[in-house]
Amino acid sequence: MSKSRPTAFSDYEVRVRAYRIWERTGRPEGCAEEHWREALAELEAERQDRVPPQPGVSQPPTRTAADATAKSEEEAA
């Protein structure tokens, strides 16, 4: 008996995302497989963003409200 991977997505999730990609790209014909792969990649990226940080693993720095304010002040100057 094999266990399913915890990162697997249901066909429904992928199908809905692929449909949205198809619509977003102007409904081209013949791109179903490409949209399916792109949907999987987007879903995986979103899941990775939601994974809580692991202890001892370096995390990228996060932007703060002060960073956003400083950037907008630079742009205004």
C-alpha atoms as a PDB file:
ATOM      1  CA  MET A   1       0.000   0.000   0.000  1.00  0.00           C
ATOM      2  CA  SER A   2       1.473   3.354  -0.993  1.00  0.00           C
ATOM      3  CA  LYS A   3       0.817   6.600   0.793  1.00  0.00           C
ATOM      4  CA  SER A   4      -0.141   9.674  -1.196  1.00  0.00           C
ATOM      5  CA  ARG A   5       2.245  12.571  -1.173  1.00  0.00           C
ATOM      6  CA  PRO A   6       1.154  15.399   1.132  1.00  0.00           C
ATOM      7  CA  THR A   7       1.787  17.870  -1.698  1.00  0.00           C
ATOM      8  CA  ALA A   8      -0.650  16.180  -4.094  1.00  0.00           C
ATOM      9  CA  PHE A   9      -3.564  18.267  -5.321  1.00  0.00           C
ATOM     10  CA  SER A  10      -6.986  17.014  -6.306  1.00  0.00           C
ATOM     11  CA  ASP A  11      -7.869  16.927  -9.991  1.00  0.00           C
ATOM     12  CA  TYR A  12     -10.590  19.449  -9.221  1.00  0.00           C
ATOM     13  CA  GLU A  13      -8.122  21.979  -7.749  1.00  0.00           C
ATOM     14  CA  VAL A  14      -5.804  21.668 -10.733  1.00  0.00           C
ATOM     15  CA  ARG A  15      -8.646  21.726 -13.251  1.00  0.00           C
ATOM     16  CA  VAL A  16     -10.123  24.926 -11.785  1.00  0.00           C
ATOM     17  CA  ARG A  17      -6.720  26.632 -11.730  1.00  0.00           C
ATOM     18  CA  ALA A  18      -5.911  25.499 -15.273  1.00  0.00           C
ATOM     19  CA  TYR A  19      -9.276  26.851 -16.449  1.00  0.00           C
ATOM     20  CA  ARG A  20      -8.521  30.224 -14.869  1.00  0.00           C
ATOM     21  CA  ILE A  21      -5.108  30.260 -16.572  1.00  0.00           C
ATOM     22  CA  TRP A  22      -6.795  29.403 -19.880  1.00  0.00           C
ATOM     23  CA  GLU A  23      -9.201  32.324 -19.430  1.00  0.00           C
ATOM     24  CA  ARG A  24      -6.425  34.677 -18.303  1.00  0.00           C
ATOM     25  CA  THR A  25      -4.374  33.890 -21.413  1.00  0.00           C
ATOM     26  CA  GLY A  26      -7.222  34.581 -23.830  1.00  0.00           C
ATOM     27  CA  ARG A  27      -8.649  31.050 -24.153  1.00  0.00           C
ATOM     28  CA  PRO A  28      -6.117  29.696 -26.648  1.00  0.00           C
ATOM     29  CA  GLU A  29      -6.691  26.267 -28.156  1.00  0.00           C
ATOM     30  CA  GLY A  30      -4.198  23.431 -27.794  1.00  0.00           C
ATOM     31  CA  CYS A  31      -2.600  24.573 -24.527  1.00  0.00           C
ATOM     32  CA  ALA A  32      -4.361  22.281 -22.051  1.00  0.00           C
ATOM     33  CA  GLU A  33      -1.239  20.376 -20.985  1.00  0.00           C
ATOM     34  CA  GLU A  34       0.773  23.571 -20.593  1.00  0.00           C
ATOM     35  CA  HIS A  35      -2.000  25.141 -18.506  1.00  0.00           C
ATOM     36  CA  TRP A  36      -2.228  21.986 -16.381  1.00  0.00           C
ATOM     37  CA  ARG A  37       1.524  22.105 -15.642  1.00  0.00           C
ATOM     38  CA  GLU A  38       1.335  25.828 -14.904  1.00  0.00           C
ATOM     39  CA  ALA A  39      -1.619  25.244 -12.574  1.00  0.00           C
ATOM     40  CA  LEU A  40       0.335  22.613 -10.663  1.00  0.00           C
ATOM     41  CA  ALA A  41       3.314  24.967 -10.371  1.00  0.00           C
ATOM     42  CA  GLU A  42       1.150  27.830  -9.103  1.00  0.00           C
ATOM     43  CA  LEU A  43      -0.601  25.639  -6.549  1.00  0.00           C
ATOM     44  CA  GLU A  44       2.717  24.233  -5.332  1.00  0.00           C
ATOM     45  CA  ALA A  45       4.198  27.736  -5.014  1.00  0.00           C
ATOM     46  CA  GLU A  46       1.197  28.884  -3.000  1.00  0.00           C
ATOM     47  CA  ARG A  47       1.465  25.874  -0.737  1.00  0.00           C
ATOM     48  CA  GLN A  48       5.179  26.555  -0.182  1.00  0.00           C
ATOM     49  CA  ASP A  49       4.329  30.133   0.823  1.00  0.00           C
ATOM     50  CA  ARG A  50       1.909  28.806   3.458  1.00  0.00           C
ATOM     51  CA  VAL A  51       4.318  26.302   4.996  1.00  0.00           C
ATOM     52  CA  PRO A  52       5.298  27.506   8.464  1.00  0.00           C
ATOM     53  CA  PRO A  53       9.015  28.199   8.937  1.00  0.00           C
ATOM     54  CA  GLN A  54      11.040  25.306  10.265  1.00  0.00           C
ATOM     55  CA  PRO A  55      13.364  25.829  13.222  1.00  0.00           C
ATOM     56  CA  GLY A  56      16.993  26.111  12.189  1.00  0.00           C
ATOM     57  CA  VAL A  57      16.144  26.839   8.539  1.00  0.00           C
ATOM     58  CA  SER A  58      17.154  30.256   7.244  1.00  0.00           C
ATOM     59  CA  GLN A  59      14.203  32.311   6.027  1.00  0.00           C
ATOM     60  CA  PRO A  60      14.351  35.254   3.620  1.00  0.00           C
ATOM     61  CA  PRO A  61      13.900  38.651   5.260  1.00  0.00           C
ATOM     62  CA  THR A  62      10.366  39.987   5.285  1.00  0.00           C
ATOM     63  CA  ARG A  63       9.371  43.513   4.364  1.00  0.00           C
ATOM     64  CA  THR A  64       7.992  45.676   7.119  1.00  0.00           C
ATOM     65  CA  ALA A  65       5.633  48.623   6.984  1.00  0.00           C
ATOM     66  CA  ALA A  66       8.672  50.865   7.560  1.00  0.00           C
ATOM     67  CA  ASP A  67      10.334  49.397   4.440  1.00  0.00           C
ATOM     68  CA  ALA A  68       7.227  50.181   2.365  1.00  0.00           C
ATOM     69  CA  THR A  69       7.076  53.730   3.742  1.00  0.00           C
ATOM     70  CA  ALA A  70      10.756  54.334   3.021  1.00  0.00           C
ATOM     71  CA  LYS A  71      10.366  53.038  -0.533  1.00  0.00           C
ATOM     72  CA  SER A  72       7.330  55.217  -1.236  1.00  0.00           C
ATOM     73  CA  GLU A  73       9.202  58.261   0.140  1.00  0.00           C
ATOM     74  CA  GLU A  74      12.143  57.485  -2.170  1.00  0.00           C
ATOM     75  CA  GLU A  75       9.818  57.207  -5.150  1.00  0.00           C
ATOM     76  CA  ALA A  76       8.139  60.493  -4.277  1.00  0.00           C
ATOM     77  CA  ALA A  77      11.487  62.344  -4.166  1.00  0.00           C
END
